[in-house]
Amino acid sequence: MADIKDPENTVIIELKDGPVVIELLADVAPEHTARMKELARAGKYDGVVFHRVIDGFMAQTGDVEHGNIDSDAYNKNRAGTGGSDLPDLPAEFSRLPHDRGTLGAARSMNPNSANSQFFINFKDNHFLNGQYTVYGRVLSGMEFVDKIVRGEPPVDPDKMISVKVAADV
């Protein structure tokens, strides 16, 4: 696992193949960082599937409303259409590029509609630059992200087993 310099702004996503350590960029996107930590600390991301995984592009997850496969509220047909019960976030665009391993805020056509969903870029996706908030980067475990089952939606989706703030582990 990566050397964690700032445990309060680091999350650990446990996947079937191993842990993914993500540095959250609180100085770049403070509201998105705070939201991810709030949802992680509440256990809202635990059991949430990767509902949209496009080879050579990205893996999307974070629908805490419809995407928790371990919950009675799980709805495979609606996974990816929901968020949390918290208000949407304003865009926090920066000059950071959507490089391989960066975390981006998923949203609708409205730039200020990000809520709980996010994606991890499989490769450099610079066509997204300036259009989606970048608020984290994978420090270690990208090889486990690369193994996430593909599909839109995947037939048998992978899930985030748990998401924890490193300071709490």
C-alpha atoms as a PDB file:
ATOM      1  CA  MET A   1       0.000   0.000   0.000  1.00  0.00           C
ATOM      2  CA  ALA A   2       1.126   3.568  -0.667  1.00  0.00           C
ATOM      3  CA  ASP A   3       2.853   5.736   1.898  1.00  0.00           C
ATOM      4  CA  ILE A   4      -0.024   7.875   3.201  1.00  0.00           C
ATOM      5  CA  LYS A   5       1.085  11.446   3.895  1.00  0.00           C
ATOM      6  CA  ASP A   6      -2.325  12.958   4.731  1.00  0.00           C
ATOM      7  CA  PRO A   7      -4.608  10.309   6.277  1.00  0.00           C
ATOM      8  CA  GLU A   8      -7.499  12.785   6.673  1.00  0.00           C
ATOM      9  CA  ASN A   9      -7.556  13.349   2.898  1.00  0.00           C
ATOM     10  CA  THR A  10      -6.921   9.786   1.801  1.00  0.00           C
ATOM     11  CA  VAL A  11      -9.547   7.124   1.174  1.00  0.00           C
ATOM     12  CA  ILE A  12      -9.056   3.391   0.852  1.00  0.00           C
ATOM     13  CA  ILE A  13     -11.474   1.586  -1.448  1.00  0.00           C
ATOM     14  CA  GLU A  14     -11.461  -2.162  -0.895  1.00  0.00           C
ATOM     15  CA  LEU A  15     -12.097  -4.044  -4.162  1.00  0.00           C
ATOM     16  CA  LYS A  16     -12.302  -7.797  -4.732  1.00  0.00           C
ATOM     17  CA  ASP A  17      -8.676  -7.878  -5.887  1.00  0.00           C
ATOM     18  CA  GLY A  18      -7.210  -5.516  -3.288  1.00  0.00           C
ATOM     19  CA  PRO A  19      -7.122  -2.011  -1.806  1.00  0.00           C
ATOM     20  CA  VAL A  20      -7.057   1.189  -3.850  1.00  0.00           C
ATOM     21  CA  VAL A  21      -5.528   4.159  -2.029  1.00  0.00           C
ATOM     22  CA  ILE A  22      -6.755   7.543  -3.262  1.00  0.00           C
ATOM     23  CA  GLU A  23      -5.359  10.928  -2.325  1.00  0.00           C
ATOM     24  CA  LEU A  24      -8.192  13.476  -2.149  1.00  0.00           C
ATOM     25  CA  LEU A  25      -7.300  16.964  -3.350  1.00  0.00           C
ATOM     26  CA  ALA A  26      -8.846  19.145  -0.639  1.00  0.00           C
ATOM     27  CA  ASP A  27      -6.893  22.194  -1.785  1.00  0.00           C
ATOM     28  CA  VAL A  28      -8.305  21.876  -5.334  1.00  0.00           C
ATOM     29  CA  ALA A  29     -11.869  20.664  -4.703  1.00  0.00           C
ATOM     30  CA  PRO A  30     -12.722  21.083  -1.016  1.00  0.00           C
ATOM     31  CA  GLU A  31     -16.482  20.473  -1.322  1.00  0.00           C
ATOM     32  CA  HIS A  32     -16.101  17.269  -3.368  1.00  0.00           C
ATOM     33  CA  THR A  33     -13.412  16.036  -0.973  1.00  0.00           C
ATOM     34  CA  ALA A  34     -15.611  16.757   2.051  1.00  0.00           C
ATOM     35  CA  ARG A  35     -18.579  14.992   0.434  1.00  0.00           C
ATOM     36  CA  MET A  36     -16.608  11.833  -0.328  1.00  0.00           C
ATOM     37  CA  LYS A  37     -15.311  11.690   3.243  1.00  0.00           C
ATOM     38  CA  GLU A  38     -18.787  12.316   4.686  1.00  0.00           C
ATOM     39  CA  LEU A  39     -20.350   9.510   2.632  1.00  0.00           C
ATOM     40  CA  ALA A  40     -17.433   7.161   3.320  1.00  0.00           C
ATOM     41  CA  ARG A  41     -17.620   7.778   7.071  1.00  0.00           C
ATOM     42  CA  ALA A  42     -21.377   7.085   6.981  1.00  0.00           C
ATOM     43  CA  GLY A  43     -20.721   3.760   5.200  1.00  0.00           C
ATOM     44  CA  LYS A  44     -22.804   4.904   2.211  1.00  0.00           C
ATOM     45  CA  TYR A  45     -20.294   3.722  -0.430  1.00  0.00           C
ATOM     46  CA  ASP A  46     -19.916   0.208   1.024  1.00  0.00           C
ATOM     47  CA  GLY A  47     -21.483  -2.323  -1.378  1.00  0.00           C
ATOM     48  CA  VAL A  48     -22.026   0.166  -4.214  1.00  0.00           C
ATOM     49  CA  VAL A  49     -21.454  -1.301  -7.684  1.00  0.00           C
ATOM     50  CA  PHE A  50     -19.456  -0.018 -10.615  1.00  0.00           C
ATOM     51  CA  HIS A  51     -22.468   0.512 -12.882  1.00  0.00           C
ATOM     52  CA  ARG A  52     -20.666   1.898 -15.949  1.00  0.00           C
ATOM     53  CA  VAL A  53     -17.234   0.560 -16.830  1.00  0.00           C
ATOM     54  CA  ILE A  54     -15.902   1.359 -20.294  1.00  0.00           C
ATOM     55  CA  ASP A  55     -12.675  -0.334 -21.375  1.00  0.00           C
ATOM     56  CA  GLY A  56      -9.990   2.217 -22.213  1.00  0.00           C
ATOM     57  CA  PHE A  57     -12.014   5.023 -20.626  1.00  0.00           C
ATOM     58  CA  MET A  58     -13.192   4.850 -17.004  1.00  0.00           C
ATOM     59  CA  ALA A  59     -15.000   3.003 -14.189  1.00  0.00           C
ATOM     60  CA  GLN A  60     -17.983   4.816 -12.669  1.00  0.00           C
ATOM     61  CA  THR A  61     -19.575   4.154  -9.269  1.00  0.00           C
ATOM     62  CA  GLY A  62     -20.988   5.958  -6.254  1.00  0.00           C
ATOM     63  CA  ASP A  63     -24.769   5.790  -6.729  1.00  0.00           C
ATOM     64  CA  VAL A  64     -25.573   5.377  -3.035  1.00  0.00           C
ATOM     65  CA  GLU A  65     -29.321   5.620  -3.730  1.00  0.00           C
ATOM     66  CA  HIS A  66     -29.814   2.790  -6.255  1.00  0.00           C
ATOM     67  CA  GLY A  67     -26.398   1.137  -6.557  1.00  0.00           C
ATOM     68  CA  ASN A  68     -25.824  -0.681  -3.268  1.00  0.00           C
ATOM     69  CA  ILE A  69     -25.976  -4.340  -4.269  1.00  0.00           C
ATOM     70  CA  ASP A  70     -26.042  -5.363  -0.590  1.00  0.00           C
ATOM     71  CA  SER A  71     -29.217  -3.331   0.052  1.00  0.00           C
ATOM     72  CA  ASP A  72     -32.911  -4.005  -0.538  1.00  0.00           C
ATOM     73  CA  ALA A  73     -32.976  -0.662  -2.398  1.00  0.00           C
ATOM     74  CA  TYR A  74     -30.561  -1.997  -5.078  1.00  0.00           C
ATOM     75  CA  ASN A  75     -31.988  -1.562  -8.548  1.00  0.00           C
ATOM     76  CA  LYS A  76     -29.698  -2.686 -11.350  1.00  0.00           C
ATOM     77  CA  ASN A  77     -31.796  -0.824 -13.936  1.00  0.00           C
ATOM     78  CA  ARG A  78     -31.593   2.447 -11.989  1.00  0.00           C
ATOM     79  CA  ALA A  79     -27.998   2.191 -10.767  1.00  0.00           C
ATOM     80  CA  GLY A  80     -26.251   5.287 -12.034  1.00  0.00           C
ATOM     81  CA  THR A  81     -29.330   7.504 -11.921  1.00  0.00           C
ATOM     82  CA  GLY A  82     -29.228   8.431  -8.231  1.00  0.00           C
ATOM     83  CA  GLY A  83     -27.120  10.243  -5.699  1.00  0.00           C
ATOM     84  CA  SER A  84     -27.277  10.790  -1.969  1.00  0.00           C
ATOM     85  CA  ASP A  85     -29.825  12.624   0.147  1.00  0.00           C
ATOM     86  CA  LEU A  86     -27.392  15.565   0.336  1.00  0.00           C
ATOM     87  CA  PRO A  87     -27.609  18.591  -2.001  1.00  0.00           C
ATOM     88  CA  ASP A  88     -25.746  18.617  -5.321  1.00  0.00           C
ATOM     89  CA  LEU A  89     -22.314  20.228  -5.388  1.00  0.00           C
ATOM     90  CA  PRO A  90     -21.140  23.207  -7.412  1.00  0.00           C
ATOM     91  CA  ALA A  91     -18.451  22.459  -9.988  1.00  0.00           C
ATOM     92  CA  GLU A  92     -14.893  22.900  -8.735  1.00  0.00           C
ATOM     93  CA  PHE A  93     -13.085  22.928 -12.061  1.00  0.00           C
ATOM     94  CA  SER A  94      -9.308  23.278 -12.068  1.00  0.00           C
ATOM     95  CA  ARG A  95      -6.400  23.013 -14.449  1.00  0.00           C
ATOM     96  CA  LEU A  96      -5.674  19.456 -13.293  1.00  0.00           C
ATOM     97  CA  PRO A  97      -5.892  17.068 -16.241  1.00  0.00           C
ATOM     98  CA  HIS A  98      -7.962  13.890 -16.317  1.00  0.00           C
ATOM     99  CA  ASP A  99      -4.924  11.611 -16.323  1.00  0.00           C
ATOM    100  CA  ARG A 100      -4.875   7.860 -15.735  1.00  0.00           C
ATOM    101  CA  GLY A 101      -5.795   7.197 -12.113  1.00  0.00           C
ATOM    102  CA  THR A 102      -7.501  10.504 -11.433  1.00  0.00           C
ATOM    103  CA  LEU A 103     -10.868  10.661  -9.728  1.00  0.00           C
ATOM    104  CA  GLY A 104     -13.557  12.742 -11.412  1.00  0.00           C
ATOM    105  CA  ALA A 105     -16.993  13.816 -10.228  1.00  0.00           C
ATOM    106  CA  ALA A 106     -19.767  12.246 -12.299  1.00  0.00           C
ATOM    107  CA  ARG A 107     -22.711  14.518 -13.053  1.00  0.00           C
ATOM    108  CA  SER A 108     -25.581  15.185 -15.434  1.00  0.00           C
ATOM    109  CA  MET A 109     -25.404  17.787 -18.202  1.00  0.00           C
ATOM    110  CA  ASN A 110     -25.583  20.463 -15.480  1.00  0.00           C
ATOM    111  CA  PRO A 111     -22.006  21.206 -14.303  1.00  0.00           C
ATOM    112  CA  ASN A 112     -23.353  21.844 -10.783  1.00  0.00           C
ATOM    113  CA  SER A 113     -25.102  18.480 -10.413  1.00  0.00           C
ATOM    114  CA  ALA A 114     -22.348  16.283  -8.962  1.00  0.00           C
ATOM    115  CA  ASN A 115     -23.472  14.520  -5.808  1.00  0.00           C
ATOM    116  CA  SER A 116     -22.061  11.119  -4.797  1.00  0.00           C
ATOM    117  CA  GLN A 117     -21.013   9.466  -8.055  1.00  0.00           C
ATOM    118  CA  PHE A 118     -17.439   9.456  -9.305  1.00  0.00           C
ATOM    119  CA  PHE A 119     -15.244   7.784 -11.869  1.00  0.00           C
ATOM    120  CA  ILE A 120     -11.650   6.624 -12.057  1.00  0.00           C
ATOM    121  CA  ASN A 121      -9.899   7.152 -15.384  1.00  0.00           C
ATOM    122  CA  PHE A 122      -8.307   4.048 -16.932  1.00  0.00           C
ATOM    123  CA  LYS A 123      -6.178   6.261 -19.202  1.00  0.00           C
ATOM    124  CA  ASP A 124      -5.502   9.924 -19.896  1.00  0.00           C
ATOM    125  CA  ASN A 125      -8.867  11.408 -20.897  1.00  0.00           C
ATOM    126  CA  HIS A 126      -7.896  14.996 -21.568  1.00  0.00           C
ATOM    127  CA  PHE A 127     -11.072  15.678 -23.572  1.00  0.00           C
ATOM    128  CA  LEU A 128     -12.761  15.860 -20.122  1.00  0.00           C
ATOM    129  CA  ASN A 129     -10.431  18.609 -18.876  1.00  0.00           C
ATOM    130  CA  GLY A 130     -12.239  21.670 -17.556  1.00  0.00           C
ATOM    131  CA  GLN A 131     -15.642  19.938 -17.818  1.00  0.00           C
ATOM    132  CA  TYR A 132     -15.618  17.614 -14.799  1.00  0.00           C
ATOM    133  CA  THR A 133     -14.192  18.206 -11.331  1.00  0.00           C
ATOM    134  CA  VAL A 134     -10.954  16.329 -10.614  1.00  0.00           C
ATOM    135  CA  TYR A 135     -10.710  15.736  -6.880  1.00  0.00           C
ATOM    136  CA  GLY A 136      -8.419  12.784  -6.319  1.00  0.00           C
ATOM    137  CA  ARG A 137      -5.735  10.505  -7.680  1.00  0.00           C
ATOM    138  CA  VAL A 138      -4.880   6.860  -7.144  1.00  0.00           C
ATOM    139  CA  LEU A 139      -1.677   6.482  -5.145  1.00  0.00           C
ATOM    140  CA  SER A 140      -1.645   2.681  -5.223  1.00  0.00           C
ATOM    141  CA  GLY A 141      -3.853  -0.169  -6.377  1.00  0.00           C
ATOM    142  CA  MET A 142      -4.480   0.976  -9.946  1.00  0.00           C
ATOM    143  CA  GLU A 143      -3.821  -2.619 -10.997  1.00  0.00           C
ATOM    144  CA  PHE A 144      -6.971  -3.550  -9.038  1.00  0.00           C
ATOM    145  CA  VAL A 145      -8.988  -0.784 -10.724  1.00  0.00           C
ATOM    146  CA  ASP A 146      -7.843  -2.194 -14.082  1.00  0.00           C
ATOM    147  CA  LYS A 147      -9.485  -5.528 -13.158  1.00  0.00           C
ATOM    148  CA  ILE A 148     -12.992  -4.085 -12.575  1.00  0.00           C
ATOM    149  CA  VAL A 149     -15.564  -5.937 -14.715  1.00  0.00           C
ATOM    150  CA  ARG A 150     -16.521  -3.999 -17.862  1.00  0.00           C
ATOM    151  CA  GLY A 151     -20.025  -3.205 -19.087  1.00  0.00           C
ATOM    152  CA  GLU A 152     -22.742  -0.549 -19.324  1.00  0.00           C
ATOM    153  CA  PRO A 153     -23.963  -1.977 -17.012  1.00  0.00           C
ATOM    154  CA  PRO A 154     -21.813  -5.024 -16.318  1.00  0.00           C
ATOM    155  CA  VAL A 155     -23.810  -8.273 -16.222  1.00  0.00           C
ATOM    156  CA  ASP A 156     -22.262  -9.188 -12.857  1.00  0.00           C
ATOM    157  CA  PRO A 157     -20.867  -5.871 -11.559  1.00  0.00           C
ATOM    158  CA  ASP A 158     -17.984  -5.451  -9.175  1.00  0.00           C
ATOM    159  CA  LYS A 159     -18.617  -3.398  -6.054  1.00  0.00           C
ATOM    160  CA  MET A 160     -16.732  -1.288  -3.567  1.00  0.00           C
ATOM    161  CA  ILE A 161     -16.560  -3.677  -0.621  1.00  0.00           C
ATOM    162  CA  SER A 162     -15.754  -0.765   1.665  1.00  0.00           C
ATOM    163  CA  VAL A 163     -14.616   2.846   1.470  1.00  0.00           C
ATOM    164  CA  LYS A 164     -12.800   4.243   4.494  1.00  0.00           C
ATOM    165  CA  VAL A 165     -11.015   7.477   5.309  1.00  0.00           C
ATOM    166  CA  ALA A 166      -7.431   6.452   6.147  1.00  0.00           C
ATOM    167  CA  ALA A 167      -7.461   8.562   9.348  1.00  0.00           C
ATOM    168  CA  ASP A 168     -10.240   6.300  10.655  1.00  0.00           C
ATOM    169  CA  VAL A 169      -8.544   2.975   9.892  1.00  0.00           C
END
